[in-house]
Amino acid sequence: MFWAHLSRLTNFLVILNISLFFATGLIKMGYYYTVYSVICLGFSALGMLVPTPLVRRLWYYLMFVLADLMALYFLVVSIVHWIRMSS
């Protein structure tokens, strides 16, 4: 059950990153934290897709939760930078 929620969060953050920064062309202006965010989300998505016997281990799940939290941090930092630079 927890993996399904983590998968939805990862997909939502990827869509948010792409729609905010990549589709609007803001990534060309130096918003490199969004790239770091997408890398963290890719790591998390890859870990959820690869079948492994470690799926039932708590530390394995928490590793990908941490990757999603780091991606969320980079996304928030990008949004704050975007707001500061536009004003």
PDB file of N, CA and C in Angstrom:
ATOM      1  N   MET A   1       0.819  -1.187   0.000  1.00  0.00           N
ATOM      2  CA  MET A   1       0.000   0.000   0.000  1.00  0.00           C
ATOM      3  C   MET A   1       0.865   1.253   0.000  1.00  0.00           C
ATOM      4  N   PHE A   2       1.942   1.237   0.754  1.00  0.00           N
ATOM      5  CA  PHE A   2       2.800   2.410   0.811  1.00  0.00           C
ATOM      6  C   PHE A   2       3.515   2.663  -0.508  1.00  0.00           C
ATOM      7  N   TRP A   3       3.852   1.594  -1.228  1.00  0.00           N
ATOM      8  CA  TRP A   3       4.537   1.761  -2.498  1.00  0.00           C
ATOM      9  C   TRP A   3       3.645   2.457  -3.516  1.00  0.00           C
ATOM     10  N   ALA A   4       2.362   2.197  -3.474  1.00  0.00           N
ATOM     11  CA  ALA A   4       1.439   2.850  -4.410  1.00  0.00           C
ATOM     12  C   ALA A   4       1.379   4.350  -4.150  1.00  0.00           C
ATOM     13  N   HIS A   5       1.351   4.739  -2.892  1.00  0.00           N
ATOM     14  CA  HIS A   5       1.326   6.166  -2.567  1.00  0.00           C
ATOM     15  C   HIS A   5       2.640   6.838  -2.953  1.00  0.00           C
ATOM     16  N   LEU A   6       3.742   6.157  -2.734  1.00  0.00           N
ATOM     17  CA  LEU A   6       5.039   6.710  -3.113  1.00  0.00           C
ATOM     18  C   LEU A   6       5.151   6.846  -4.624  1.00  0.00           C
ATOM     19  N   SER A   7       4.622   5.904  -5.343  1.00  0.00           N
ATOM     20  CA  SER A   7       4.630   5.967  -6.802  1.00  0.00           C
ATOM     21  C   SER A   7       3.798   7.139  -7.305  1.00  0.00           C
ATOM     22  N   ARG A   8       2.659   7.363  -6.709  1.00  0.00           N
ATOM     23  CA  ARG A   8       1.820   8.513  -7.103  1.00  0.00           C
ATOM     24  C   ARG A   8       2.497   9.836  -6.788  1.00  0.00           C
ATOM     25  N   LEU A   9       3.153   9.921  -5.632  1.00  0.00           N
ATOM     26  CA  LEU A   9       3.885  11.139  -5.271  1.00  0.00           C
ATOM     27  C   LEU A   9       5.019  11.398  -6.248  1.00  0.00           C
ATOM     28  N   THR A  10       5.742  10.354  -6.612  1.00  0.00           N
ATOM     29  CA  THR A  10       6.839  10.501  -7.565  1.00  0.00           C
ATOM     30  C   THR A  10       6.319  10.982  -8.910  1.00  0.00           C
ATOM     31  N   ASN A  11       5.255  10.398  -9.400  1.00  0.00           N
ATOM     32  CA  ASN A  11       4.686  10.821 -10.684  1.00  0.00           C
ATOM     33  C   ASN A  11       4.193  12.262 -10.622  1.00  0.00           C
ATOM     34  N   PHE A  12       3.558  12.635  -9.527  1.00  0.00           N
ATOM     35  CA  PHE A  12       3.080  14.001  -9.376  1.00  0.00           C
ATOM     36  C   PHE A  12       4.244  14.994  -9.385  1.00  0.00           C
ATOM     37  N   LEU A  13       5.324  14.675  -8.693  1.00  0.00           N
ATOM     38  CA  LEU A  13       6.467  15.586  -8.654  1.00  0.00           C
ATOM     39  C   LEU A  13       7.162  15.694 -10.011  1.00  0.00           C
ATOM     40  N   VAL A  14       7.210  14.612 -10.758  1.00  0.00           N
ATOM     41  CA  VAL A  14       7.791  14.667 -12.103  1.00  0.00           C
ATOM     42  C   VAL A  14       6.957  15.567 -12.996  1.00  0.00           C
ATOM     43  N   ILE A  15       5.650  15.403 -12.959  1.00  0.00           N
ATOM     44  CA  ILE A  15       4.767  16.242 -13.773  1.00  0.00           C
ATOM     45  C   ILE A  15       4.883  17.706 -13.354  1.00  0.00           C
ATOM     46  N   LEU A  16       4.973  17.959 -12.062  1.00  0.00           N
ATOM     47  CA  LEU A  16       5.114  19.326 -11.574  1.00  0.00           C
ATOM     48  C   LEU A  16       6.430  19.948 -12.035  1.00  0.00           C
ATOM     49  N   ASN A  17       7.518  19.207 -11.962  1.00  0.00           N
ATOM     50  CA  ASN A  17       8.809  19.701 -12.438  1.00  0.00           C
ATOM     51  C   ASN A  17       8.772  20.030 -13.917  1.00  0.00           C
ATOM     52  N   ILE A  18       8.240  19.122 -14.694  1.00  0.00           N
ATOM     53  CA  ILE A  18       8.222  19.325 -16.142  1.00  0.00           C
ATOM     54  C   ILE A  18       7.318  20.488 -16.513  1.00  0.00           C
ATOM     55  N   SER A  19       6.166  20.593 -15.894  1.00  0.00           N
ATOM     56  CA  SER A  19       5.239  21.661 -16.266  1.00  0.00           C
ATOM     57  C   SER A  19       5.710  23.030 -15.784  1.00  0.00           C
ATOM     58  N   LEU A  20       6.382  23.093 -14.652  1.00  0.00           N
ATOM     59  CA  LEU A  20       6.824  24.389 -14.145  1.00  0.00           C
ATOM     60  C   LEU A  20       8.090  24.908 -14.820  1.00  0.00           C
ATOM     61  N   PHE A  21       9.042  24.044 -15.069  1.00  0.00           N
ATOM     62  CA  PHE A  21      10.348  24.525 -15.482  1.00  0.00           C
ATOM     63  C   PHE A  21      10.779  24.080 -16.870  1.00  0.00           C
ATOM     64  N   PHE A  22      10.518  22.856 -17.244  1.00  0.00           N
ATOM     65  CA  PHE A  22      10.988  22.390 -18.537  1.00  0.00           C
ATOM     66  C   PHE A  22      10.091  22.863 -19.674  1.00  0.00           C
ATOM     67  N   ALA A  23       8.791  22.775 -19.514  1.00  0.00           N
ATOM     68  CA  ALA A  23       7.860  23.156 -20.576  1.00  0.00           C
ATOM     69  C   ALA A  23       7.822  24.665 -20.794  1.00  0.00           C
ATOM     70  N   THR A  24       8.075  25.440 -19.749  1.00  0.00           N
ATOM     71  CA  THR A  24       8.041  26.895 -19.887  1.00  0.00           C
ATOM     72  C   THR A  24       9.374  27.481 -20.319  1.00  0.00           C
ATOM     73  N   GLY A  25      10.417  26.669 -20.381  1.00  0.00           N
ATOM     74  CA  GLY A  25      11.715  27.155 -20.826  1.00  0.00           C
ATOM     75  C   GLY A  25      12.546  27.807 -19.746  1.00  0.00           C
ATOM     76  N   LEU A  26      12.121  27.737 -18.503  1.00  0.00           N
ATOM     77  CA  LEU A  26      12.873  28.361 -17.413  1.00  0.00           C
ATOM     78  C   LEU A  26      14.151  27.621 -17.068  1.00  0.00           C
ATOM     79  N   ILE A  27      14.277  26.376 -17.522  1.00  0.00           N
ATOM     80  CA  ILE A  27      15.473  25.603 -17.222  1.00  0.00           C
ATOM     81  C   ILE A  27      16.691  26.206 -17.918  1.00  0.00           C
ATOM     82  N   LYS A  28      16.486  26.931 -19.002  1.00  0.00           N
ATOM     83  CA  LYS A  28      17.588  27.577 -19.724  1.00  0.00           C
ATOM     84  C   LYS A  28      18.151  28.762 -18.962  1.00  0.00           C
ATOM     85  N   MET A  29      17.402  29.265 -17.986  1.00  0.00           N
ATOM     86  CA  MET A  29      17.822  30.455 -17.248  1.00  0.00           C
ATOM     87  C   MET A  29      18.633  30.118 -16.008  1.00  0.00           C
ATOM     88  N   GLY A  30      18.984  28.867 -15.793  1.00  0.00           N
ATOM     89  CA  GLY A  30      19.844  28.509 -14.679  1.00  0.00           C
ATOM     90  C   GLY A  30      19.156  27.870 -13.496  1.00  0.00           C
ATOM     91  N   TYR A  31      18.033  27.256 -13.695  1.00  0.00           N
ATOM     92  CA  TYR A  31      17.340  26.557 -12.617  1.00  0.00           C
ATOM     93  C   TYR A  31      17.823  25.106 -12.589  1.00  0.00           C
ATOM     94  N   TYR A  32      19.031  24.916 -12.091  1.00  0.00           N
ATOM     95  CA  TYR A  32      19.629  23.582 -12.126  1.00  0.00           C
ATOM     96  C   TYR A  32      19.107  22.672 -11.024  1.00  0.00           C
ATOM     97  N   TYR A  33      18.488  23.215 -10.010  1.00  0.00           N
ATOM     98  CA  TYR A  33      17.945  22.367  -8.948  1.00  0.00           C
ATOM     99  C   TYR A  33      16.804  21.501  -9.458  1.00  0.00           C
ATOM    100  N   THR A  34      16.134  21.924 -10.501  1.00  0.00           N
ATOM    101  CA  THR A  34      15.076  21.083 -11.058  1.00  0.00           C
ATOM    102  C   THR A  34      15.654  19.839 -11.709  1.00  0.00           C
ATOM    103  N   VAL A  35      16.848  19.966 -12.275  1.00  0.00           N
ATOM    104  CA  VAL A  35      17.503  18.789 -12.848  1.00  0.00           C
ATOM    105  C   VAL A  35      17.865  17.807 -11.737  1.00  0.00           C
ATOM    106  N   TYR A  36      18.361  18.330 -10.623  1.00  0.00           N
ATOM    107  CA  TYR A  36      18.671  17.476  -9.478  1.00  0.00           C
ATOM    108  C   TYR A  36      17.406  16.806  -8.953  1.00  0.00           C
ATOM    109  N   SER A  37      16.318  17.537  -8.971  1.00  0.00           N
ATOM    110  CA  SER A  37      15.044  16.986  -8.514  1.00  0.00           C
ATOM    111  C   SER A  37      14.594  15.843  -9.420  1.00  0.00           C
ATOM    112  N   VAL A  38      14.720  16.015 -10.715  1.00  0.00           N
ATOM    113  CA  VAL A  38      14.321  14.967 -11.650  1.00  0.00           C
ATOM    114  C   VAL A  38      15.237  13.749 -11.527  1.00  0.00           C
ATOM    115  N   ILE A  39      16.513  13.970 -11.244  1.00  0.00           N
ATOM    116  CA  ILE A  39      17.435  12.853 -11.038  1.00  0.00           C
ATOM    117  C   ILE A  39      17.027  12.051  -9.797  1.00  0.00           C
ATOM    118  N   CYS A  40      16.701  12.742  -8.712  1.00  0.00           N
ATOM    119  CA  CYS A  40      16.242  12.046  -7.497  1.00  0.00           C
ATOM    120  C   CYS A  40      14.951  11.276  -7.753  1.00  0.00           C
ATOM    121  N   LEU A  41      14.056  11.871  -8.508  1.00  0.00           N
ATOM    122  CA  LEU A  41      12.797  11.197  -8.825  1.00  0.00           C
ATOM    123  C   LEU A  41      13.029  10.002  -9.749  1.00  0.00           C
ATOM    124  N   GLY A  42      13.975  10.123 -10.651  1.00  0.00           N
ATOM    125  CA  GLY A  42      14.314   8.989 -11.515  1.00  0.00           C
ATOM    126  C   GLY A  42      14.891   7.832 -10.718  1.00  0.00           C
ATOM    127  N   PHE A  43      15.740   8.153  -9.753  1.00  0.00           N
ATOM    128  CA  PHE A  43      16.287   7.132  -8.870  1.00  0.00           C
ATOM    129  C   PHE A  43      15.170   6.435  -8.102  1.00  0.00           C
ATOM    130  N   SER A  44      14.243   7.206  -7.614  1.00  0.00           N
ATOM    131  CA  SER A  44      13.125   6.650  -6.856  1.00  0.00           C
ATOM    132  C   SER A  44      12.236   5.783  -7.751  1.00  0.00           C
ATOM    133  N   ALA A  45      11.942   6.250  -8.947  1.00  0.00           N
ATOM    134  CA  ALA A  45      11.091   5.481  -9.862  1.00  0.00           C
ATOM    135  C   ALA A  45      11.782   4.197 -10.302  1.00  0.00           C
ATOM    136  N   LEU A  46      13.079   4.262 -10.536  1.00  0.00           N
ATOM    137  CA  LEU A  46      13.814   3.074 -10.937  1.00  0.00           C
ATOM    138  C   LEU A  46      13.824   2.039  -9.819  1.00  0.00           C
ATOM    139  N   GLY A  47      13.987   2.493  -8.595  1.00  0.00           N
ATOM    140  CA  GLY A  47      13.978   1.572  -7.462  1.00  0.00           C
ATOM    141  C   GLY A  47      12.633   0.922  -7.235  1.00  0.00           C
ATOM    142  N   MET A  48      11.567   1.612  -7.617  1.00  0.00           N
ATOM    143  CA  MET A  48      10.240   1.015  -7.468  1.00  0.00           C
ATOM    144  C   MET A  48       9.918   0.049  -8.602  1.00  0.00           C
ATOM    145  N   LEU A  49      10.535   0.250  -9.773  1.00  0.00           N
ATOM    146  CA  LEU A  49      10.235  -0.601 -10.919  1.00  0.00           C
ATOM    147  C   LEU A  49      11.026  -1.899 -10.925  1.00  0.00           C
ATOM    148  N   VAL A  50      12.244  -1.854 -10.423  1.00  0.00           N
ATOM    149  CA  VAL A  50      13.106  -3.029 -10.468  1.00  0.00           C
ATOM    150  C   VAL A  50      12.655  -4.032  -9.403  1.00  0.00           C
ATOM    151  N   PRO A  51      12.298  -5.218  -9.824  1.00  0.00           N
ATOM    152  CA  PRO A  51      11.880  -6.212  -8.827  1.00  0.00           C
ATOM    153  C   PRO A  51      13.092  -6.721  -8.041  1.00  0.00           C
ATOM    154  N   THR A  52      12.976  -6.685  -6.765  1.00  0.00           N
ATOM    155  CA  THR A  52      14.059  -7.118  -5.893  1.00  0.00           C
ATOM    156  C   THR A  52      13.461  -7.734  -4.631  1.00  0.00           C
ATOM    157  N   PRO A  53      14.168  -8.646  -4.018  1.00  0.00           N
ATOM    158  CA  PRO A  53      13.636  -9.229  -2.772  1.00  0.00           C
ATOM    159  C   PRO A  53      13.677  -8.246  -1.599  1.00  0.00           C
ATOM    160  N   LEU A  54      14.281  -7.100  -1.788  1.00  0.00           N
ATOM    161  CA  LEU A  54      14.383  -6.109  -0.710  1.00  0.00           C
ATOM    162  C   LEU A  54      13.138  -5.239  -0.571  1.00  0.00           C
ATOM    163  N   VAL A  55      12.152  -5.446  -1.419  1.00  0.00           N
ATOM    164  CA  VAL A  55      10.964  -4.595  -1.419  1.00  0.00           C
ATOM    165  C   VAL A  55      10.257  -4.617  -0.065  1.00  0.00           C
ATOM    166  N   ARG A  56      10.342  -5.698   0.637  1.00  0.00           N
ATOM    167  CA  ARG A  56       9.644  -5.809   1.917  1.00  0.00           C
ATOM    168  C   ARG A  56      10.461  -5.291   3.087  1.00  0.00           C
ATOM    169  N   ARG A  57      11.622  -4.762   2.831  1.00  0.00           N
ATOM    170  CA  ARG A  57      12.465  -4.208   3.894  1.00  0.00           C
ATOM    171  C   ARG A  57      12.132  -2.738   4.106  1.00  0.00           C
ATOM    172  N   LEU A  58      12.076  -2.327   5.337  1.00  0.00           N
ATOM    173  CA  LEU A  58      11.718  -0.945   5.658  1.00  0.00           C
ATOM    174  C   LEU A  58      12.789   0.031   5.203  1.00  0.00           C
ATOM    175  N   TRP A  59      14.055  -0.310   5.372  1.00  0.00           N
ATOM    176  CA  TRP A  59      15.122   0.608   4.993  1.00  0.00           C
ATOM    177  C   TRP A  59      15.140   0.838   3.488  1.00  0.00           C
ATOM    178  N   TYR A  60      14.744  -0.160   2.711  1.00  0.00           N
ATOM    179  CA  TYR A  60      14.685  -0.012   1.260  1.00  0.00           C
ATOM    180  C   TYR A  60      13.598   0.994   0.880  1.00  0.00           C
ATOM    181  N   TYR A  61      12.468   0.885   1.510  1.00  0.00           N
ATOM    182  CA  TYR A  61      11.367   1.823   1.265  1.00  0.00           C
ATOM    183  C   TYR A  61      11.746   3.230   1.712  1.00  0.00           C
ATOM    184  N   LEU A  62      12.347   3.346   2.890  1.00  0.00           N
ATOM    185  CA  LEU A  62      12.719   4.664   3.403  1.00  0.00           C
ATOM    186  C   LEU A  62      13.794   5.332   2.563  1.00  0.00           C
ATOM    187  N   MET A  63      14.623   4.553   1.901  1.00  0.00           N
ATOM    188  CA  MET A  63      15.629   5.117   1.012  1.00  0.00           C
ATOM    189  C   MET A  63      14.958   5.869  -0.138  1.00  0.00           C
ATOM    190  N   PHE A  64      13.890   5.325  -0.661  1.00  0.00           N
ATOM    191  CA  PHE A  64      13.191   5.989  -1.763  1.00  0.00           C
ATOM    192  C   PHE A  64      12.290   7.116  -1.274  1.00  0.00           C
ATOM    193  N   VAL A  65      11.788   7.011  -0.077  1.00  0.00           N
ATOM    194  CA  VAL A  65      11.059   8.139   0.520  1.00  0.00           C
ATOM    195  C   VAL A  65      12.016   9.319   0.699  1.00  0.00           C
ATOM    196  N   LEU A  66      13.230   9.037   1.144  1.00  0.00           N
ATOM    197  CA  LEU A  66      14.239  10.082   1.295  1.00  0.00           C
ATOM    198  C   LEU A  66      14.593  10.709  -0.052  1.00  0.00           C
ATOM    199  N   ALA A  67      14.687   9.896  -1.097  1.00  0.00           N
ATOM    200  CA  ALA A  67      14.953  10.426  -2.436  1.00  0.00           C
ATOM    201  C   ALA A  67      13.818  11.340  -2.885  1.00  0.00           C
ATOM    202  N   ASP A  68      12.579  10.967  -2.603  1.00  0.00           N
ATOM    203  CA  ASP A  68      11.447  11.831  -2.956  1.00  0.00           C
ATOM    204  C   ASP A  68      11.443  13.115  -2.131  1.00  0.00           C
ATOM    205  N   LEU A  69      11.815  13.032  -0.878  1.00  0.00           N
ATOM    206  CA  LEU A  69      11.888  14.241  -0.051  1.00  0.00           C
ATOM    207  C   LEU A  69      12.994  15.175  -0.531  1.00  0.00           C
ATOM    208  N   MET A  70      14.121  14.613  -0.961  1.00  0.00           N
ATOM    209  CA  MET A  70      15.182  15.449  -1.530  1.00  0.00           C
ATOM    210  C   MET A  70      14.713  16.109  -2.821  1.00  0.00           C
ATOM    211  N   ALA A  71      13.975  15.373  -3.630  1.00  0.00           N
ATOM    212  CA  ALA A  71      13.432  15.939  -4.863  1.00  0.00           C
ATOM    213  C   ALA A  71      12.436  17.047  -4.559  1.00  0.00           C
ATOM    214  N   LEU A  72      11.622  16.855  -3.541  1.00  0.00           N
ATOM    215  CA  LEU A  72      10.679  17.896  -3.132  1.00  0.00           C
ATOM    216  C   LEU A  72      11.421  19.130  -2.632  1.00  0.00           C
ATOM    217  N   TYR A  73      12.498  18.925  -1.886  1.00  0.00           N
ATOM    218  CA  TYR A  73      13.313  20.046  -1.419  1.00  0.00           C
ATOM    219  C   TYR A  73      13.883  20.831  -2.606  1.00  0.00           C
ATOM    220  N   PHE A  74      14.447  20.132  -3.583  1.00  0.00           N
ATOM    221  CA  PHE A  74      15.002  20.815  -4.750  1.00  0.00           C
ATOM    222  C   PHE A  74      13.920  21.539  -5.541  1.00  0.00           C
ATOM    223  N   LEU A  75      12.722  20.986  -5.589  1.00  0.00           N
ATOM    224  CA  LEU A  75      11.616  21.646  -6.275  1.00  0.00           C
ATOM    225  C   LEU A  75      11.218  22.933  -5.555  1.00  0.00           C
ATOM    226  N   VAL A  76      11.121  22.874  -4.238  1.00  0.00           N
ATOM    227  CA  VAL A  76      10.755  24.069  -3.465  1.00  0.00           C
ATOM    228  C   VAL A  76      11.836  25.137  -3.589  1.00  0.00           C
ATOM    229  N   VAL A  77      13.104  24.729  -3.547  1.00  0.00           N
ATOM    230  CA  VAL A  77      14.193  25.692  -3.712  1.00  0.00           C
ATOM    231  C   VAL A  77      14.123  26.336  -5.091  1.00  0.00           C
ATOM    232  N   SER A  78      13.787  25.575  -6.111  1.00  0.00           N
ATOM    233  CA  SER A  78      13.645  26.122  -7.460  1.00  0.00           C
ATOM    234  C   SER A  78      12.509  27.129  -7.543  1.00  0.00           C
ATOM    235  N   ILE A  79      11.404  26.823  -6.897  1.00  0.00           N
ATOM    236  CA  ILE A  79      10.262  27.753  -6.904  1.00  0.00           C
ATOM    237  C   ILE A  79      10.611  29.038  -6.169  1.00  0.00           C
ATOM    238  N   VAL A  80      11.286  28.919  -5.036  1.00  0.00           N
ATOM    239  CA  VAL A  80      11.700  30.119  -4.287  1.00  0.00           C
ATOM    240  C   VAL A  80      12.678  30.954  -5.114  1.00  0.00           C
ATOM    241  N   HIS A  81      13.600  30.304  -5.786  1.00  0.00           N
ATOM    242  CA  HIS A  81      14.547  31.023  -6.648  1.00  0.00           C
ATOM    243  C   HIS A  81      13.815  31.710  -7.799  1.00  0.00           C
ATOM    244  N   TRP A  82      12.830  31.050  -8.364  1.00  0.00           N
ATOM    245  CA  TRP A  82      12.052  31.599  -9.454  1.00  0.00           C
ATOM    246  C   TRP A  82      11.301  32.850  -8.977  1.00  0.00           C
ATOM    247  N   ILE A  83      10.724  32.788  -7.786  1.00  0.00           N
ATOM    248  CA  ILE A  83       9.974  33.934  -7.256  1.00  0.00           C
ATOM    249  C   ILE A  83      10.912  35.098  -6.958  1.00  0.00           C
ATOM    250  N   ARG A  84      12.066  34.820  -6.382  1.00  0.00           N
ATOM    251  CA  ARG A  84      13.011  35.888  -6.069  1.00  0.00           C
ATOM    252  C   ARG A  84      13.574  36.553  -7.313  1.00  0.00           C
ATOM    253  N   MET A  85      13.838  35.780  -8.342  1.00  0.00           N
ATOM    254  CA  MET A  85      14.425  36.333  -9.559  1.00  0.00           C
ATOM    255  C   MET A  85      13.404  37.101 -10.381  1.00  0.00           C
ATOM    256  N   SER A  86      12.123  36.765 -10.269  1.00  0.00           N
ATOM    257  CA  SER A  86      11.109  37.457 -11.067  1.00  0.00           C
ATOM    258  C   SER A  86      10.682  38.776 -10.451  1.00  0.00           C
ATOM    259  N   SER A  87      10.988  38.997  -9.182  1.00  0.00           N
ATOM    260  CA  SER A  87      10.542  40.262  -8.567  1.00  0.00           C
ATOM    261  C   SER A  87      11.625  41.306  -8.557  1.00  0.00           C
TER     262      SER A  87
END
